[in-house]
Amino acid sequence: MIYQINKGVSKPIVFRGLKAQYIAYLAVGLVLLLIGFAVLYICGLSLWVILPLVLALGTGLFFSVFRLSHRFGEHGLTKHLAKRQLPDLIRCHSRRLFIQLKESSPGGRI
């Protein structure tokens, strides 16, 4: 079975519906699930407790990563998170800031 991973030059990597960085998010999540399984198993927890927990977390990981990939696309999540950091409004109660900017700029212009 052959999967086409890269569709061309300067196009995002798409693998089975996952776009760009979401492939890495899924891979990191799966590695963390594997490490968590190993730690819980070494601690002596029963497999009847560990397996349903890991399966539920893995299912949640798959659904959430695929949902984010389809909702935001290649760069949309980064843009969404960056937009949340912008202030809604900027309040300036004094003209002093603009006067200082005008005086410090070359030629006296803003």
C-alpha atoms as a PDB file:
ATOM      1  CA  MET A   1       0.000   0.000   0.000  1.00  0.00           C
ATOM      2  CA  ILE A   2       1.519   3.328  -1.093  1.00  0.00           C
ATOM      3  CA  TYR A   3       0.431   6.660   0.365  1.00  0.00           C
ATOM      4  CA  GLN A   4       1.080   9.917  -1.398  1.00  0.00           C
ATOM      5  CA  ILE A   5       2.435  12.271   1.249  1.00  0.00           C
ATOM      6  CA  ASN A   6       3.766  15.318  -0.598  1.00  0.00           C
ATOM      7  CA  LYS A   7       1.614  16.774  -3.359  1.00  0.00           C
ATOM      8  CA  GLY A   8       4.205  19.086  -4.848  1.00  0.00           C
ATOM      9  CA  VAL A   9       6.620  21.896  -4.350  1.00  0.00           C
ATOM     10  CA  SER A  10       5.526  24.690  -1.989  1.00  0.00           C
ATOM     11  CA  LYS A  11       2.308  22.899  -1.067  1.00  0.00           C
ATOM     12  CA  PRO A  12       1.600  21.765   2.484  1.00  0.00           C
ATOM     13  CA  ILE A  13       2.198  18.175   3.481  1.00  0.00           C
ATOM     14  CA  VAL A  14      -1.112  16.314   3.639  1.00  0.00           C
ATOM     15  CA  PHE A  15      -1.384  12.795   5.024  1.00  0.00           C
ATOM     16  CA  ARG A  16      -4.815  11.154   5.226  1.00  0.00           C
ATOM     17  CA  GLY A  17      -6.554  14.480   5.786  1.00  0.00           C
ATOM     18  CA  LEU A  18      -4.087  15.934   8.283  1.00  0.00           C
ATOM     19  CA  LYS A  19      -2.416  19.122   7.149  1.00  0.00           C
ATOM     20  CA  ALA A  20       1.066  20.441   7.944  1.00  0.00           C
ATOM     21  CA  GLN A  21       1.855  20.801  11.668  1.00  0.00           C
ATOM     22  CA  TYR A  22      -1.109  18.669  12.768  1.00  0.00           C
ATOM     23  CA  ILE A  23       0.842  15.572  11.706  1.00  0.00           C
ATOM     24  CA  ALA A  24       3.498  16.551  14.241  1.00  0.00           C
ATOM     25  CA  TYR A  25       0.868  17.274  16.912  1.00  0.00           C
ATOM     26  CA  LEU A  26      -0.586  13.802  16.424  1.00  0.00           C
ATOM     27  CA  ALA A  27       2.858  12.171  16.504  1.00  0.00           C
ATOM     28  CA  VAL A  28       3.832  13.965  19.725  1.00  0.00           C
ATOM     29  CA  GLY A  29       0.509  13.022  21.303  1.00  0.00           C
ATOM     30  CA  LEU A  30       0.969   9.357  20.403  1.00  0.00           C
ATOM     31  CA  VAL A  31       4.501   9.333  21.823  1.00  0.00           C
ATOM     32  CA  LEU A  32       3.204  10.886  25.053  1.00  0.00           C
ATOM     33  CA  LEU A  33       0.470   8.237  25.217  1.00  0.00           C
ATOM     34  CA  LEU A  34       3.081   5.505  24.787  1.00  0.00           C
ATOM     35  CA  ILE A  35       5.265   6.985  27.528  1.00  0.00           C
ATOM     36  CA  GLY A  36       2.234   7.338  29.809  1.00  0.00           C
ATOM     37  CA  PHE A  37       1.279   3.712  29.188  1.00  0.00           C
ATOM     38  CA  ALA A  38       4.822   2.567  30.001  1.00  0.00           C
ATOM     39  CA  VAL A  39       4.981   4.621  33.203  1.00  0.00           C
ATOM     40  CA  LEU A  40       1.611   3.371  34.433  1.00  0.00           C
ATOM     41  CA  TYR A  41       2.520  -0.227  33.581  1.00  0.00           C
ATOM     42  CA  ILE A  42       5.857   0.036  35.399  1.00  0.00           C
ATOM     43  CA  CYS A  43       4.064   1.519  38.426  1.00  0.00           C
ATOM     44  CA  GLY A  44       2.096  -1.721  38.642  1.00  0.00           C
ATOM     45  CA  LEU A  45      -1.339  -0.556  37.540  1.00  0.00           C
ATOM     46  CA  SER A  46      -3.541  -3.250  36.058  1.00  0.00           C
ATOM     47  CA  LEU A  47      -3.864  -3.510  32.285  1.00  0.00           C
ATOM     48  CA  TRP A  48      -7.647  -3.474  32.759  1.00  0.00           C
ATOM     49  CA  VAL A  49      -7.267   0.092  34.026  1.00  0.00           C
ATOM     50  CA  ILE A  50      -4.510   1.293  31.704  1.00  0.00           C
ATOM     51  CA  LEU A  51      -5.872   0.086  28.354  1.00  0.00           C
ATOM     52  CA  PRO A  52      -9.291   1.784  28.512  1.00  0.00           C
ATOM     53  CA  LEU A  53      -7.631   4.975  29.737  1.00  0.00           C
ATOM     54  CA  VAL A  54      -5.065   5.001  26.923  1.00  0.00           C
ATOM     55  CA  LEU A  55      -7.674   4.056  24.313  1.00  0.00           C
ATOM     56  CA  ALA A  56     -10.003   6.840  25.457  1.00  0.00           C
ATOM     57  CA  LEU A  57      -7.198   9.414  25.474  1.00  0.00           C
ATOM     58  CA  GLY A  58      -5.970   8.219  22.069  1.00  0.00           C
ATOM     59  CA  THR A  59      -9.451   8.472  20.584  1.00  0.00           C
ATOM     60  CA  GLY A  60      -9.833  11.968  21.997  1.00  0.00           C
ATOM     61  CA  LEU A  61      -6.432  12.912  20.592  1.00  0.00           C
ATOM     62  CA  PHE A  62      -7.332  11.689  17.097  1.00  0.00           C
ATOM     63  CA  PHE A  63     -10.705  13.427  17.042  1.00  0.00           C
ATOM     64  CA  SER A  64      -9.358  16.712  18.399  1.00  0.00           C
ATOM     65  CA  VAL A  65      -6.361  16.846  16.030  1.00  0.00           C
ATOM     66  CA  PHE A  66      -8.492  16.006  12.985  1.00  0.00           C
ATOM     67  CA  ARG A  67     -11.109  18.572  14.037  1.00  0.00           C
ATOM     68  CA  LEU A  68      -8.435  21.279  14.440  1.00  0.00           C
ATOM     69  CA  SER A  69      -6.898  20.349  11.089  1.00  0.00           C
ATOM     70  CA  HIS A  70     -10.201  20.637   9.258  1.00  0.00           C
ATOM     71  CA  ARG A  71     -11.359  23.746  11.118  1.00  0.00           C
ATOM     72  CA  PHE A  72      -8.218  25.877  10.867  1.00  0.00           C
ATOM     73  CA  GLY A  73      -6.205  24.427   7.994  1.00  0.00           C
ATOM     74  CA  GLU A  74      -2.478  24.852   7.523  1.00  0.00           C
ATOM     75  CA  HIS A  75      -1.776  28.163   9.299  1.00  0.00           C
ATOM     76  CA  GLY A  76      -5.189  29.004  10.717  1.00  0.00           C
ATOM     77  CA  LEU A  77      -4.560  27.809  14.271  1.00  0.00           C
ATOM     78  CA  THR A  78      -1.427  29.944  14.550  1.00  0.00           C
ATOM     79  CA  LYS A  79      -3.318  32.965  13.220  1.00  0.00           C
ATOM     80  CA  HIS A  80      -6.227  32.292  15.572  1.00  0.00           C
ATOM     81  CA  LEU A  81      -3.921  32.095  18.608  1.00  0.00           C
ATOM     82  CA  ALA A  82      -2.046  35.233  17.505  1.00  0.00           C
ATOM     83  CA  LYS A  83      -5.290  37.170  17.039  1.00  0.00           C
ATOM     84  CA  ARG A  84      -6.345  36.327  20.584  1.00  0.00           C
ATOM     85  CA  GLN A  85      -3.213  38.098  21.869  1.00  0.00           C
ATOM     86  CA  LEU A  86      -4.191  41.435  20.301  1.00  0.00           C
ATOM     87  CA  PRO A  87      -5.901  43.938  22.588  1.00  0.00           C
ATOM     88  CA  ASP A  88      -9.493  44.894  21.841  1.00  0.00           C
ATOM     89  CA  LEU A  89      -8.723  48.557  22.261  1.00  0.00           C
ATOM     90  CA  ILE A  90      -5.917  50.865  23.346  1.00  0.00           C
ATOM     91  CA  ARG A  91      -6.710  53.735  25.685  1.00  0.00           C
ATOM     92  CA  CYS A  92      -4.536  56.800  25.727  1.00  0.00           C
ATOM     93  CA  HIS A  93      -5.505  59.451  28.271  1.00  0.00           C
ATOM     94  CA  SER A  94      -2.765  61.910  27.387  1.00  0.00           C
ATOM     95  CA  ARG A  95      -1.297  63.548  24.287  1.00  0.00           C
ATOM     96  CA  ARG A  96       2.192  63.318  25.797  1.00  0.00           C
ATOM     97  CA  LEU A  97       2.965  60.019  24.048  1.00  0.00           C
ATOM     98  CA  PHE A  98       2.253  61.438  20.607  1.00  0.00           C
ATOM     99  CA  ILE A  99       4.155  64.653  21.328  1.00  0.00           C
ATOM    100  CA  GLN A 100       7.204  62.627  22.412  1.00  0.00           C
ATOM    101  CA  LEU A 101       6.947  60.485  19.285  1.00  0.00           C
ATOM    102  CA  LYS A 102       6.796  63.590  17.128  1.00  0.00           C
ATOM    103  CA  GLU A 103       9.840  65.138  18.838  1.00  0.00           C
ATOM    104  CA  SER A 104      11.931  61.956  18.728  1.00  0.00           C
ATOM    105  CA  SER A 105      11.265  61.118  15.079  1.00  0.00           C
ATOM    106  CA  PRO A 106      13.682  62.501  12.454  1.00  0.00           C
ATOM    107  CA  GLY A 107      12.311  65.574  10.727  1.00  0.00           C
ATOM    108  CA  GLY A 108       9.651  66.078  13.387  1.00  0.00           C
ATOM    109  CA  ARG A 109       7.101  63.921  11.571  1.00  0.00           C
ATOM    110  CA  ILE A 110       5.430  60.759  12.695  1.00  0.00           C
END
